[in-house]
Amino acid sequence: IVGRRREEYFRVKLQESQSQTGIKVSLAA
């Protein structure tokens, strides 16, 4: 979509997403 790989950004964001408990707010389709 954006034309470049943003691995570090997603590494941090996905780590935050996985550390949350309860109802998840990061989703996949």
mmCIF file of all heavy atoms, coordinates in Angstrom:
data_MODEL
# 
_entry.id   MODEL 
# 
loop_
_atom_site.group_PDB 
_atom_site.id 
_atom_site.type_symbol 
_atom_site.label_atom_id 
_atom_site.label_alt_id 
_atom_site.label_comp_id 
_atom_site.label_asym_id 
_atom_site.label_entity_id 
_atom_site.label_seq_id 
_atom_site.pdbx_PDB_ins_code 
_atom_site.Cartn_x 
_atom_site.Cartn_y 
_atom_site.Cartn_z 
_atom_site.occupancy 
_atom_site.B_iso_or_equiv 
_atom_site.pdbx_formal_charge 
_atom_site.auth_seq_id 
_atom_site.auth_comp_id 
_atom_site.auth_asym_id 
_atom_site.auth_atom_id 
_atom_site.pdbx_PDB_model_num 
ATOM 1   N N   . ILE A 1 1  ? 0.827   -1.211  0.000  1.00 0.00 ? 1  ILE A N   1 
ATOM 2   C CA  . ILE A 1 1  ? 0.000   0.000   0.000  1.00 0.00 ? 1  ILE A CA  1 
ATOM 3   C C   . ILE A 1 1  ? 0.864   1.265   0.000  1.00 0.00 ? 1  ILE A C   1 
ATOM 4   O O   . ILE A 1 1  ? 0.630   2.180   -0.786 1.00 0.00 ? 1  ILE A O   1 
ATOM 5   C CB  . ILE A 1 1  ? -0.953  -0.005  1.216  1.00 0.00 ? 1  ILE A CB  1 
ATOM 6   C CG1 . ILE A 1 1  ? -1.966  -1.155  1.088  1.00 0.00 ? 1  ILE A CG1 1 
ATOM 7   C CG2 . ILE A 1 1  ? -1.680  1.334   1.345  1.00 0.00 ? 1  ILE A CG2 1 
ATOM 8   C CD1 . ILE A 1 1  ? -2.745  -1.436  2.367  1.00 0.00 ? 1  ILE A CD1 1 
ATOM 9   N N   . VAL A 1 2  ? 1.864   1.328   0.900  1.00 0.00 ? 2  VAL A N   1 
ATOM 10  C CA  . VAL A 1 2  ? 2.641   2.571   1.067  1.00 0.00 ? 2  VAL A CA  1 
ATOM 11  C C   . VAL A 1 2  ? 3.935   2.597   0.262  1.00 0.00 ? 2  VAL A C   1 
ATOM 12  O O   . VAL A 1 2  ? 4.567   3.644   0.160  1.00 0.00 ? 2  VAL A O   1 
ATOM 13  C CB  . VAL A 1 2  ? 2.937   2.882   2.551  1.00 0.00 ? 2  VAL A CB  1 
ATOM 14  C CG1 . VAL A 1 2  ? 1.663   3.007   3.347  1.00 0.00 ? 2  VAL A CG1 1 
ATOM 15  C CG2 . VAL A 1 2  ? 3.869   1.868   3.165  1.00 0.00 ? 2  VAL A CG2 1 
ATOM 16  N N   . GLY A 1 3  ? 4.362   1.468   -0.274 1.00 0.00 ? 3  GLY A N   1 
ATOM 17  C CA  . GLY A 1 3  ? 5.531   1.454   -1.136 1.00 0.00 ? 3  GLY A CA  1 
ATOM 18  C C   . GLY A 1 3  ? 6.857   1.207   -0.438 1.00 0.00 ? 3  GLY A C   1 
ATOM 19  O O   . GLY A 1 3  ? 7.909   1.307   -1.071 1.00 0.00 ? 3  GLY A O   1 
ATOM 20  N N   . ARG A 1 4  ? 6.844   0.903   0.853  1.00 0.00 ? 4  ARG A N   1 
ATOM 21  C CA  . ARG A 1 4  ? 8.071   0.561   1.575  1.00 0.00 ? 4  ARG A CA  1 
ATOM 22  C C   . ARG A 1 4  ? 7.720   -0.290  2.788  1.00 0.00 ? 4  ARG A C   1 
ATOM 23  O O   . ARG A 1 4  ? 6.607   -0.243  3.278  1.00 0.00 ? 4  ARG A O   1 
ATOM 24  C CB  . ARG A 1 4  ? 8.840   1.803   2.004  1.00 0.00 ? 4  ARG A CB  1 
ATOM 25  C CG  . ARG A 1 4  ? 8.114   2.687   2.979  1.00 0.00 ? 4  ARG A CG  1 
ATOM 26  C CD  . ARG A 1 4  ? 8.911   3.976   3.252  1.00 0.00 ? 4  ARG A CD  1 
ATOM 27  N NE  . ARG A 1 4  ? 8.133   4.898   4.034  1.00 0.00 ? 4  ARG A NE  1 
ATOM 28  C CZ  . ARG A 1 4  ? 8.078   4.924   5.361  1.00 0.00 ? 4  ARG A CZ  1 
ATOM 29  N NH1 . ARG A 1 4  ? 8.786   4.055   6.067  1.00 0.00 ? 4  ARG A NH1 1 
ATOM 30  N NH2 . ARG A 1 4  ? 7.344   5.802   5.994  1.00 0.00 ? 4  ARG A NH2 1 
ATOM 31  N N   . ARG A 1 5  ? 8.716   -1.043  3.246  1.00 0.00 ? 5  ARG A N   1 
ATOM 32  C CA  . ARG A 1 5  ? 8.511   -1.917  4.408  1.00 0.00 ? 5  ARG A CA  1 
ATOM 33  C C   . ARG A 1 5  ? 8.758   -1.127  5.690  1.00 0.00 ? 5  ARG A C   1 
ATOM 34  O O   . ARG A 1 5  ? 9.778   -0.463  5.818  1.00 0.00 ? 5  ARG A O   1 
ATOM 35  C CB  . ARG A 1 5  ? 9.433   -3.131  4.340  1.00 0.00 ? 5  ARG A CB  1 
ATOM 36  C CG  . ARG A 1 5  ? 9.066   -4.079  3.210  1.00 0.00 ? 5  ARG A CG  1 
ATOM 37  C CD  . ARG A 1 5  ? 10.001  -5.262  3.134  1.00 0.00 ? 5  ARG A CD  1 
ATOM 38  N NE  . ARG A 1 5  ? 9.952   -6.141  4.284  1.00 0.00 ? 5  ARG A NE  1 
ATOM 39  C CZ  . ARG A 1 5  ? 9.040   -7.103  4.487  1.00 0.00 ? 5  ARG A CZ  1 
ATOM 40  N NH1 . ARG A 1 5  ? 8.090   -7.293  3.599  1.00 0.00 ? 5  ARG A NH1 1 
ATOM 41  N NH2 . ARG A 1 5  ? 9.097   -7.859  5.551  1.00 0.00 ? 5  ARG A NH2 1 
ATOM 42  N N   . ARG A 1 6  ? 7.819   -1.240  6.635  1.00 0.00 ? 6  ARG A N   1 
ATOM 43  C CA  . ARG A 1 6  ? 7.937   -0.534  7.920  1.00 0.00 ? 6  ARG A CA  1 
ATOM 44  C C   . ARG A 1 6  ? 7.991   -1.572  9.045  1.00 0.00 ? 6  ARG A C   1 
ATOM 45  O O   . ARG A 1 6  ? 7.133   -1.616  9.910  1.00 0.00 ? 6  ARG A O   1 
ATOM 46  C CB  . ARG A 1 6  ? 6.757   0.418   8.111  1.00 0.00 ? 6  ARG A CB  1 
ATOM 47  C CG  . ARG A 1 6  ? 6.654   1.452   7.003  1.00 0.00 ? 6  ARG A CG  1 
ATOM 48  C CD  . ARG A 1 6  ? 5.618   2.502   7.285  1.00 0.00 ? 6  ARG A CD  1 
ATOM 49  N NE  . ARG A 1 6  ? 4.264   1.961   7.331  1.00 0.00 ? 6  ARG A NE  1 
ATOM 50  C CZ  . ARG A 1 6  ? 3.211   2.645   7.810  1.00 0.00 ? 6  ARG A CZ  1 
ATOM 51  N NH1 . ARG A 1 6  ? 3.363   3.860   8.284  1.00 0.00 ? 6  ARG A NH1 1 
ATOM 52  N NH2 . ARG A 1 6  ? 2.014   2.091   7.815  1.00 0.00 ? 6  ARG A NH2 1 
ATOM 53  N N   . GLU A 1 7  ? 9.027   -2.392  9.023  1.00 0.00 ? 7  GLU A N   1 
ATOM 54  C CA  . GLU A 1 7  ? 9.129   -3.510  9.958  1.00 0.00 ? 7  GLU A CA  1 
ATOM 55  C C   . GLU A 1 7  ? 9.202   -3.071  11.418 1.00 0.00 ? 7  GLU A C   1 
ATOM 56  O O   . GLU A 1 7  ? 8.531   -3.640  12.269 1.00 0.00 ? 7  GLU A O   1 
ATOM 57  C CB  . GLU A 1 7  ? 10.328  -4.388  9.605  1.00 0.00 ? 7  GLU A CB  1 
ATOM 58  C CG  . GLU A 1 7  ? 10.112  -5.139  8.313  1.00 0.00 ? 7  GLU A CG  1 
ATOM 59  C CD  . GLU A 1 7  ? 11.243  -6.081  7.981  1.00 0.00 ? 7  GLU A CD  1 
ATOM 60  O OE1 . GLU A 1 7  ? 11.831  -6.654  8.915  1.00 0.00 ? 7  GLU A OE1 1 
ATOM 61  O OE2 . GLU A 1 7  ? 11.519  -6.252  6.774  1.00 0.00 ? 7  GLU A OE2 1 
ATOM 62  N N   . GLU A 1 8  ? 10.019  -2.074  11.720 1.00 0.00 ? 8  GLU A N   1 
ATOM 63  C CA  . GLU A 1 8  ? 10.168  -1.664  13.119 1.00 0.00 ? 8  GLU A CA  1 
ATOM 64  C C   . GLU A 1 8  ? 8.869   -1.073  13.657 1.00 0.00 ? 8  GLU A C   1 
ATOM 65  O O   . GLU A 1 8  ? 8.474   -1.347  14.787 1.00 0.00 ? 8  GLU A O   1 
ATOM 66  C CB  . GLU A 1 8  ? 11.329  -0.674  13.284 1.00 0.00 ? 8  GLU A CB  1 
ATOM 67  C CG  . GLU A 1 8  ? 11.674  -0.396  14.731 1.00 0.00 ? 8  GLU A CG  1 
ATOM 68  C CD  . GLU A 1 8  ? 12.023  -1.653  15.537 1.00 0.00 ? 8  GLU A CD  1 
ATOM 69  O OE1 . GLU A 1 8  ? 12.566  -2.620  14.974 1.00 0.00 ? 8  GLU A OE1 1 
ATOM 70  O OE2 . GLU A 1 8  ? 11.724  -1.672  16.757 1.00 0.00 ? 8  GLU A OE2 1 
ATOM 71  N N   . TYR A 1 9  ? 8.202   -0.260  12.858 1.00 0.00 ? 9  TYR A N   1 
ATOM 72  C CA  . TYR A 1 9  ? 6.917   0.313   13.270 1.00 0.00 ? 9  TYR A CA  1 
ATOM 73  C C   . TYR A 1 9  ? 5.939   -0.800  13.644 1.00 0.00 ? 9  TYR A C   1 
ATOM 74  O O   . TYR A 1 9  ? 5.326   -0.775  14.707 1.00 0.00 ? 9  TYR A O   1 
ATOM 75  C CB  . TYR A 1 9  ? 6.336   1.170   12.133 1.00 0.00 ? 9  TYR A CB  1 
ATOM 76  C CG  . TYR A 1 9  ? 4.903   1.593   12.356 1.00 0.00 ? 9  TYR A CG  1 
ATOM 77  C CD1 . TYR A 1 9  ? 4.591   2.633   13.226 1.00 0.00 ? 9  TYR A CD1 1 
ATOM 78  C CD2 . TYR A 1 9  ? 3.858   0.945   11.685 1.00 0.00 ? 9  TYR A CD2 1 
ATOM 79  C CE1 . TYR A 1 9  ? 3.275   3.029   13.431 1.00 0.00 ? 9  TYR A CE1 1 
ATOM 80  C CE2 . TYR A 1 9  ? 2.544   1.341   11.886 1.00 0.00 ? 9  TYR A CE2 1 
ATOM 81  C CZ  . TYR A 1 9  ? 2.263   2.375   12.756 1.00 0.00 ? 9  TYR A CZ  1 
ATOM 82  O OH  . TYR A 1 9  ? 0.954   2.754   12.963 1.00 0.00 ? 9  TYR A OH  1 
ATOM 83  N N   . PHE A 1 10 ? 5.817   -1.794  12.785 1.00 0.00 ? 10 PHE A N   1 
ATOM 84  C CA  . PHE A 1 10 ? 4.867   -2.870  13.050 1.00 0.00 ? 10 PHE A CA  1 
ATOM 85  C C   . PHE A 1 10 ? 5.345   -3.817  14.147 1.00 0.00 ? 10 PHE A C   1 
ATOM 86  O O   . PHE A 1 10 ? 4.529   -4.374  14.871 1.00 0.00 ? 10 PHE A O   1 
ATOM 87  C CB  . PHE A 1 10 ? 4.516   -3.620  11.767 1.00 0.00 ? 10 PHE A CB  1 
ATOM 88  C CG  . PHE A 1 10 ? 3.584   -2.840  10.897 1.00 0.00 ? 10 PHE A CG  1 
ATOM 89  C CD1 . PHE A 1 10 ? 4.018   -2.284  9.706  1.00 0.00 ? 10 PHE A CD1 1 
ATOM 90  C CD2 . PHE A 1 10 ? 2.268   -2.617  11.287 1.00 0.00 ? 10 PHE A CD2 1 
ATOM 91  C CE1 . PHE A 1 10 ? 3.166   -1.534  8.919  1.00 0.00 ? 10 PHE A CE1 1 
ATOM 92  C CE2 . PHE A 1 10 ? 1.410   -1.870  10.514 1.00 0.00 ? 10 PHE A CE2 1 
ATOM 93  C CZ  . PHE A 1 10 ? 1.858   -1.328  9.329  1.00 0.00 ? 10 PHE A CZ  1 
ATOM 94  N N   . ARG A 1 11 ? 6.632   -3.971  14.294 1.00 0.00 ? 11 ARG A N   1 
ATOM 95  C CA  . ARG A 1 11 ? 7.144   -4.803  15.389 1.00 0.00 ? 11 ARG A CA  1 
ATOM 96  C C   . ARG A 1 11 ? 6.666   -4.209  16.718 1.00 0.00 ? 11 ARG A C   1 
ATOM 97  O O   . ARG A 1 11 ? 6.143   -4.903  17.580 1.00 0.00 ? 11 ARG A O   1 
ATOM 98  C CB  . ARG A 1 11 ? 8.664   -4.882  15.352 1.00 0.00 ? 11 ARG A CB  1 
ATOM 99  C CG  . ARG A 1 11 ? 9.258   -5.859  16.355 1.00 0.00 ? 11 ARG A CG  1 
ATOM 100 C CD  . ARG A 1 11 ? 10.763  -5.996  16.235 1.00 0.00 ? 11 ARG A CD  1 
ATOM 101 N NE  . ARG A 1 11 ? 11.331  -5.889  14.898 1.00 0.00 ? 11 ARG A NE  1 
ATOM 102 C CZ  . ARG A 1 11 ? 11.324  -6.851  13.971 1.00 0.00 ? 11 ARG A CZ  1 
ATOM 103 N NH1 . ARG A 1 11 ? 10.764  -8.009  14.240 1.00 0.00 ? 11 ARG A NH1 1 
ATOM 104 N NH2 . ARG A 1 11 ? 11.856  -6.657  12.785 1.00 0.00 ? 11 ARG A NH2 1 
ATOM 105 N N   . VAL A 1 12 ? 6.811   -2.897  16.889 1.00 0.00 ? 12 VAL A N   1 
ATOM 106 C CA  . VAL A 1 12 ? 6.383   -2.212  18.117 1.00 0.00 ? 12 VAL A CA  1 
ATOM 107 C C   . VAL A 1 12 ? 4.865   -2.264  18.260 1.00 0.00 ? 12 VAL A C   1 
ATOM 108 O O   . VAL A 1 12 ? 4.332   -2.606  19.321 1.00 0.00 ? 12 VAL A O   1 
ATOM 109 C CB  . VAL A 1 12 ? 6.892   -0.756  18.132 1.00 0.00 ? 12 VAL A CB  1 
ATOM 110 C CG1 . VAL A 1 12 ? 6.259   0.035   19.263 1.00 0.00 ? 12 VAL A CG1 1 
ATOM 111 C CG2 . VAL A 1 12 ? 8.405   -0.725  18.224 1.00 0.00 ? 12 VAL A CG2 1 
ATOM 112 N N   . LYS A 1 13 ? 4.146   -1.931  17.200 1.00 0.00 ? 13 LYS A N   1 
ATOM 113 C CA  . LYS A 1 13 ? 2.685   -1.880  17.265 1.00 0.00 ? 13 LYS A CA  1 
ATOM 114 C C   . LYS A 1 13 ? 2.082   -3.256  17.536 1.00 0.00 ? 13 LYS A C   1 
ATOM 115 O O   . LYS A 1 13 ? 1.134   -3.383  18.323 1.00 0.00 ? 13 LYS A O   1 
ATOM 116 C CB  . LYS A 1 13 ? 2.099   -1.305  15.969 1.00 0.00 ? 13 LYS A CB  1 
ATOM 117 C CG  . LYS A 1 13 ? 2.360   0.165   15.790 1.00 0.00 ? 13 LYS A CG  1 
ATOM 118 C CD  . LYS A 1 13 ? 1.682   0.957   16.883 1.00 0.00 ? 13 LYS A CD  1 
ATOM 119 C CE  . LYS A 1 13 ? 1.957   2.423   16.758 1.00 0.00 ? 13 LYS A CE  1 
ATOM 120 N NZ  . LYS A 1 13 ? 1.392   3.171   17.883 1.00 0.00 ? 13 LYS A NZ  1 
ATOM 121 N N   . LEU A 1 14 ? 2.600   -4.275  16.900 1.00 0.00 ? 14 LEU A N   1 
ATOM 122 C CA  . LEU A 1 14 ? 2.056   -5.612  17.115 1.00 0.00 ? 14 LEU A CA  1 
ATOM 123 C C   . LEU A 1 14 ? 2.417   -6.132  18.505 1.00 0.00 ? 14 LEU A C   1 
ATOM 124 O O   . LEU A 1 14 ? 1.631   -6.838  19.126 1.00 0.00 ? 14 LEU A O   1 
ATOM 125 C CB  . LEU A 1 14 ? 2.522   -6.570  16.020 1.00 0.00 ? 14 LEU A CB  1 
ATOM 126 C CG  . LEU A 1 14 ? 1.918   -6.294  14.650 1.00 0.00 ? 14 LEU A CG  1 
ATOM 127 C CD1 . LEU A 1 14 ? 2.580   -7.161  13.582 1.00 0.00 ? 14 LEU A CD1 1 
ATOM 128 C CD2 . LEU A 1 14 ? 0.422   -6.508  14.646 1.00 0.00 ? 14 LEU A CD2 1 
ATOM 129 N N   . GLN A 1 15 ? 3.576   -5.757  18.991 1.00 0.00 ? 15 GLN A N   1 
ATOM 130 C CA  . GLN A 1 15 ? 3.955   -6.147  20.351 1.00 0.00 ? 15 GLN A CA  1 
ATOM 131 C C   . GLN A 1 15 ? 2.995   -5.503  21.359 1.00 0.00 ? 15 GLN A C   1 
ATOM 132 O O   . GLN A 1 15 ? 2.534   -6.156  22.289 1.00 0.00 ? 15 GLN A O   1 
ATOM 133 C CB  . GLN A 1 15 ? 5.389   -5.712  20.621 1.00 0.00 ? 15 GLN A CB  1 
ATOM 134 C CG  . GLN A 1 15 ? 6.099   -6.486  21.685 1.00 0.00 ? 15 GLN A CG  1 
ATOM 135 C CD  . GLN A 1 15 ? 7.592   -6.187  21.659 1.00 0.00 ? 15 GLN A CD  1 
ATOM 136 O OE1 . GLN A 1 15 ? 8.013   -5.076  21.352 1.00 0.00 ? 15 GLN A OE1 1 
ATOM 137 N NE2 . GLN A 1 15 ? 8.389   -7.194  21.977 1.00 0.00 ? 15 GLN A NE2 1 
ATOM 138 N N   . GLU A 1 16 ? 2.693   -4.214  21.181 1.00 0.00 ? 16 GLU A N   1 
ATOM 139 C CA  . GLU A 1 16 ? 1.721   -3.533  22.038 1.00 0.00 ? 16 GLU A CA  1 
ATOM 140 C C   . GLU A 1 16 ? 0.366   -4.224  21.954 1.00 0.00 ? 16 GLU A C   1 
ATOM 141 O O   . GLU A 1 16 ? -0.295  -4.457  22.960 1.00 0.00 ? 16 GLU A O   1 
ATOM 142 C CB  . GLU A 1 16 ? 1.549   -2.070  21.613 1.00 0.00 ? 16 GLU A CB  1 
ATOM 143 C CG  . GLU A 1 16 ? 2.695   -1.175  21.949 1.00 0.00 ? 16 GLU A CG  1 
ATOM 144 C CD  . GLU A 1 16 ? 2.517   0.229   21.378 1.00 0.00 ? 16 GLU A CD  1 
ATOM 145 O OE1 . GLU A 1 16 ? 1.482   0.501   20.729 1.00 0.00 ? 16 GLU A OE1 1 
ATOM 146 O OE2 . GLU A 1 16 ? 3.413   1.059   21.581 1.00 0.00 ? 16 GLU A OE2 1 
ATOM 147 N N   . SER A 1 17 ? -0.028  -4.556  20.750 1.00 0.00 ? 17 SER A N   1 
ATOM 148 C CA  . SER A 1 17 ? -1.324  -5.192  20.524 1.00 0.00 ? 17 SER A CA  1 
ATOM 149 C C   . SER A 1 17 ? -1.426  -6.529  21.242 1.00 0.00 ? 17 SER A C   1 
ATOM 150 O O   . SER A 1 17 ? -2.453  -6.855  21.833 1.00 0.00 ? 17 SER A O   1 
ATOM 151 C CB  . SER A 1 17 ? -1.539  -5.394  19.022 1.00 0.00 ? 17 SER A CB  1 
ATOM 152 O OG  . SER A 1 17 ? -2.606  -6.260  18.778 1.00 0.00 ? 17 SER A OG  1 
ATOM 153 N N   . GLN A 1 18 ? -0.358  -7.301  21.205 1.00 0.00 ? 18 GLN A N   1 
ATOM 154 C CA  . GLN A 1 18 ? -0.379  -8.629  21.807 1.00 0.00 ? 18 GLN A CA  1 
ATOM 155 C C   . GLN A 1 18 ? -0.286  -8.588  23.327 1.00 0.00 ? 18 GLN A C   1 
ATOM 156 O O   . GLN A 1 18 ? -0.695  -9.524  24.002 1.00 0.00 ? 18 GLN A O   1 
ATOM 157 C CB  . GLN A 1 18 ? 0.750   -9.487  21.239 1.00 0.00 ? 18 GLN A CB  1 
ATOM 158 C CG  . GLN A 1 18 ? 0.661   -9.702  19.740 1.00 0.00 ? 18 GLN A CG  1 
ATOM 159 C CD  . GLN A 1 18 ? -0.686  -10.242 19.294 1.00 0.00 ? 18 GLN A CD  1 
ATOM 160 O OE1 . GLN A 1 18 ? -1.189  -11.209 19.847 1.00 0.00 ? 18 GLN A OE1 1 
ATOM 161 N NE2 . GLN A 1 18 ? -1.282  -9.613  18.295 1.00 0.00 ? 18 GLN A NE2 1 
ATOM 162 N N   . SER A 1 19 ? 0.232   -7.495  23.878 1.00 0.00 ? 19 SER A N   1 
ATOM 163 C CA  . SER A 1 19 ? 0.373   -7.415  25.331 1.00 0.00 ? 19 SER A CA  1 
ATOM 164 C C   . SER A 1 19 ? -0.902  -6.951  26.013 1.00 0.00 ? 19 SER A C   1 
ATOM 165 O O   . SER A 1 19 ? -1.020  -7.048  27.225 1.00 0.00 ? 19 SER A O   1 
ATOM 166 C CB  . SER A 1 19 ? 1.537   -6.489  25.702 1.00 0.00 ? 19 SER A CB  1 
ATOM 167 O OG  . SER A 1 19 ? 1.234   -5.163  25.349 1.00 0.00 ? 19 SER A OG  1 
ATOM 168 N N   . GLN A 1 20 ? -1.875  -6.451  25.250 1.00 0.00 ? 20 GLN A N   1 
ATOM 169 C CA  . GLN A 1 20 ? -3.136  -6.026  25.839 1.00 0.00 ? 20 GLN A CA  1 
ATOM 170 C C   . GLN A 1 20 ? -3.935  -7.247  26.252 1.00 0.00 ? 20 GLN A C   1 
ATOM 171 O O   . GLN A 1 20 ? -3.886  -8.296  25.625 1.00 0.00 ? 20 GLN A O   1 
ATOM 172 C CB  . GLN A 1 20 ? -3.953  -5.210  24.837 1.00 0.00 ? 20 GLN A CB  1 
ATOM 173 C CG  . GLN A 1 20 ? -3.289  -3.913  24.446 1.00 0.00 ? 20 GLN A CG  1 
ATOM 174 C CD  . GLN A 1 20 ? -4.015  -3.219  23.314 1.00 0.00 ? 20 GLN A CD  1 
ATOM 175 O OE1 . GLN A 1 20 ? -4.886  -3.799  22.679 1.00 0.00 ? 20 GLN A OE1 1 
ATOM 176 N NE2 . GLN A 1 20 ? -3.655  -1.985  23.063 1.00 0.00 ? 20 GLN A NE2 1 
ATOM 177 N N   . THR A 1 21 ? -4.699  -7.100  27.341 1.00 0.00 ? 21 THR A N   1 
ATOM 178 C CA  . THR A 1 21 ? -5.552  -8.188  27.792 1.00 0.00 ? 21 THR A CA  1 
ATOM 179 C C   . THR A 1 21 ? -7.006  -7.823  27.534 1.00 0.00 ? 21 THR A C   1 
ATOM 180 O O   . THR A 1 21 ? -7.329  -6.692  27.208 1.00 0.00 ? 21 THR A O   1 
ATOM 181 C CB  . THR A 1 21 ? -5.350  -8.449  29.293 1.00 0.00 ? 21 THR A CB  1 
ATOM 182 O OG1 . THR A 1 21 ? -5.644  -7.238  30.002 1.00 0.00 ? 21 THR A OG1 1 
ATOM 183 C CG2 . THR A 1 21 ? -3.934  -8.891  29.589 1.00 0.00 ? 21 THR A CG2 1 
ATOM 184 N N   . GLY A 1 22 ? -7.883  -8.765  27.702 1.00 0.00 ? 22 GLY A N   1 
ATOM 185 C CA  . GLY A 1 22 ? -9.315  -8.505  27.519 1.00 0.00 ? 22 GLY A CA  1 
ATOM 186 C C   . GLY A 1 22 ? -9.691  -8.496  26.054 1.00 0.00 ? 22 GLY A C   1 
ATOM 187 O O   . GLY A 1 22 ? -9.128  -9.205  25.232 1.00 0.00 ? 22 GLY A O   1 
ATOM 188 N N   . ILE A 1 23 ? -10.647 -7.650  25.708 1.00 0.00 ? 23 ILE A N   1 
ATOM 189 C CA  . ILE A 1 23 ? -11.136 -7.556  24.336 1.00 0.00 ? 23 ILE A CA  1 
ATOM 190 C C   . ILE A 1 23 ? -10.059 -6.930  23.469 1.00 0.00 ? 23 ILE A C   1 
ATOM 191 O O   . ILE A 1 23 ? -9.505  -5.893  23.793 1.00 0.00 ? 23 ILE A O   1 
ATOM 192 C CB  . ILE A 1 23 ? -12.425 -6.720  24.280 1.00 0.00 ? 23 ILE A CB  1 
ATOM 193 C CG1 . ILE A 1 23 ? -13.521 -7.416  25.095 1.00 0.00 ? 23 ILE A CG1 1 
ATOM 194 C CG2 . ILE A 1 23 ? -12.870 -6.509  22.848 1.00 0.00 ? 23 ILE A CG2 1 
ATOM 195 C CD1 . ILE A 1 23 ? -14.793 -6.638  25.198 1.00 0.00 ? 23 ILE A CD1 1 
ATOM 196 N N   . LYS A 1 24 ? -9.744  -7.570  22.377 1.00 0.00 ? 24 LYS A N   1 
ATOM 197 C CA  . LYS A 1 24 ? -8.695  -7.091  21.481 1.00 0.00 ? 24 LYS A CA  1 
ATOM 198 C C   . LYS A 1 24 ? -9.235  -5.982  20.588 1.00 0.00 ? 24 LYS A C   1 
ATOM 199 O O   . LYS A 1 24 ? -10.385 -6.018  20.169 1.00 0.00 ? 24 LYS A O   1 
ATOM 200 C CB  . LYS A 1 24 ? -8.168  -8.226  20.610 1.00 0.00 ? 24 LYS A CB  1 
ATOM 201 C CG  . LYS A 1 24 ? -7.577  -9.372  21.402 1.00 0.00 ? 24 LYS A CG  1 
ATOM 202 C CD  . LYS A 1 24 ? -6.376  -8.944  22.196 1.00 0.00 ? 24 LYS A CD  1 
ATOM 203 C CE  . LYS A 1 24 ? -5.775  -10.120 22.929 1.00 0.00 ? 24 LYS A CE  1 
ATOM 204 N NZ  . LYS A 1 24 ? -4.699  -9.744  23.804 1.00 0.00 ? 24 LYS A NZ  1 
ATOM 205 N N   . VAL A 1 25 ? -8.369  -5.007  20.316 1.00 0.00 ? 25 VAL A N   1 
ATOM 206 C CA  . VAL A 1 25 ? -8.789  -3.926  19.435 1.00 0.00 ? 25 VAL A CA  1 
ATOM 207 C C   . VAL A 1 25 ? -7.963  -3.864  18.155 1.00 0.00 ? 25 VAL A C   1 
ATOM 208 O O   . VAL A 1 25 ? -8.206  -3.008  17.328 1.00 0.00 ? 25 VAL A O   1 
ATOM 209 C CB  . VAL A 1 25 ? -8.786  -2.555  20.165 1.00 0.00 ? 25 VAL A CB  1 
ATOM 210 C CG1 . VAL A 1 25 ? -9.857  -2.513  21.232 1.00 0.00 ? 25 VAL A CG1 1 
ATOM 211 C CG2 . VAL A 1 25 ? -7.436  -2.237  20.752 1.00 0.00 ? 25 VAL A CG2 1 
ATOM 212 N N   . SER A 1 26 ? -7.011  -4.754  17.985 1.00 0.00 ? 26 SER A N   1 
ATOM 213 C CA  . SER A 1 26 ? -6.293  -4.862  16.719 1.00 0.00 ? 26 SER A CA  1 
ATOM 214 C C   . SER A 1 26 ? -6.778  -6.123  16.032 1.00 0.00 ? 26 SER A C   1 
ATOM 215 O O   . SER A 1 26 ? -6.825  -7.190  16.635 1.00 0.00 ? 26 SER A O   1 
ATOM 216 C CB  . SER A 1 26 ? -4.783  -4.891  16.945 1.00 0.00 ? 26 SER A CB  1 
ATOM 217 O OG  . SER A 1 26 ? -4.342  -3.634  17.397 1.00 0.00 ? 26 SER A OG  1 
ATOM 218 N N   . LEU A 1 27 ? -7.153  -5.973  14.776 1.00 0.00 ? 27 LEU A N   1 
ATOM 219 C CA  . LEU A 1 27 ? -7.888  -7.031  14.092 1.00 0.00 ? 27 LEU A CA  1 
ATOM 220 C C   . LEU A 1 27 ? -7.304  -7.359  12.724 1.00 0.00 ? 27 LEU A C   1 
ATOM 221 O O   . LEU A 1 27 ? -6.612  -6.543  12.124 1.00 0.00 ? 27 LEU A O   1 
ATOM 222 C CB  . LEU A 1 27 ? -9.351  -6.591  13.906 1.00 0.00 ? 27 LEU A CB  1 
ATOM 223 C CG  . LEU A 1 27 ? -10.104 -6.200  15.178 1.00 0.00 ? 27 LEU A CG  1 
ATOM 224 C CD1 . LEU A 1 27 ? -11.418 -5.503  14.824 1.00 0.00 ? 27 LEU A CD1 1 
ATOM 225 C CD2 . LEU A 1 27 ? -10.355 -7.422  16.040 1.00 0.00 ? 27 LEU A CD2 1 
ATOM 226 N N   . ALA A 1 28 ? -7.630  -8.546  12.239 1.00 0.00 ? 28 ALA A N   1 
ATOM 227 C CA  . ALA A 1 28 ? -7.260  -8.987  10.898 1.00 0.00 ? 28 ALA A CA  1 
ATOM 228 C C   . ALA A 1 28 ? -8.527  -9.430  10.172 1.00 0.00 ? 28 ALA A C   1 
ATOM 229 O O   . ALA A 1 28 ? -9.500  -9.840  10.802 1.00 0.00 ? 28 ALA A O   1 
ATOM 230 C CB  . ALA A 1 28 ? -6.282  -10.157 10.970 1.00 0.00 ? 28 ALA A CB  1 
ATOM 231 N N   . ALA A 1 29 ? -8.486  -9.335  8.855  1.00 0.00 ? 29 ALA A N   1 
ATOM 232 C CA  . ALA A 1 29 ? -9.604  -9.807  8.034  1.00 0.00 ? 29 ALA A CA  1 
ATOM 233 C C   . ALA A 1 29 ? -9.086  -10.818 7.022  1.00 0.00 ? 29 ALA A C   1 
ATOM 234 O O   . ALA A 1 29 ? -7.998  -10.658 6.462  1.00 0.00 ? 29 ALA A O   1 
ATOM 235 C CB  . ALA A 1 29 ? -10.273 -8.640  7.308  1.00 0.00 ? 29 ALA A CB  1 
# 
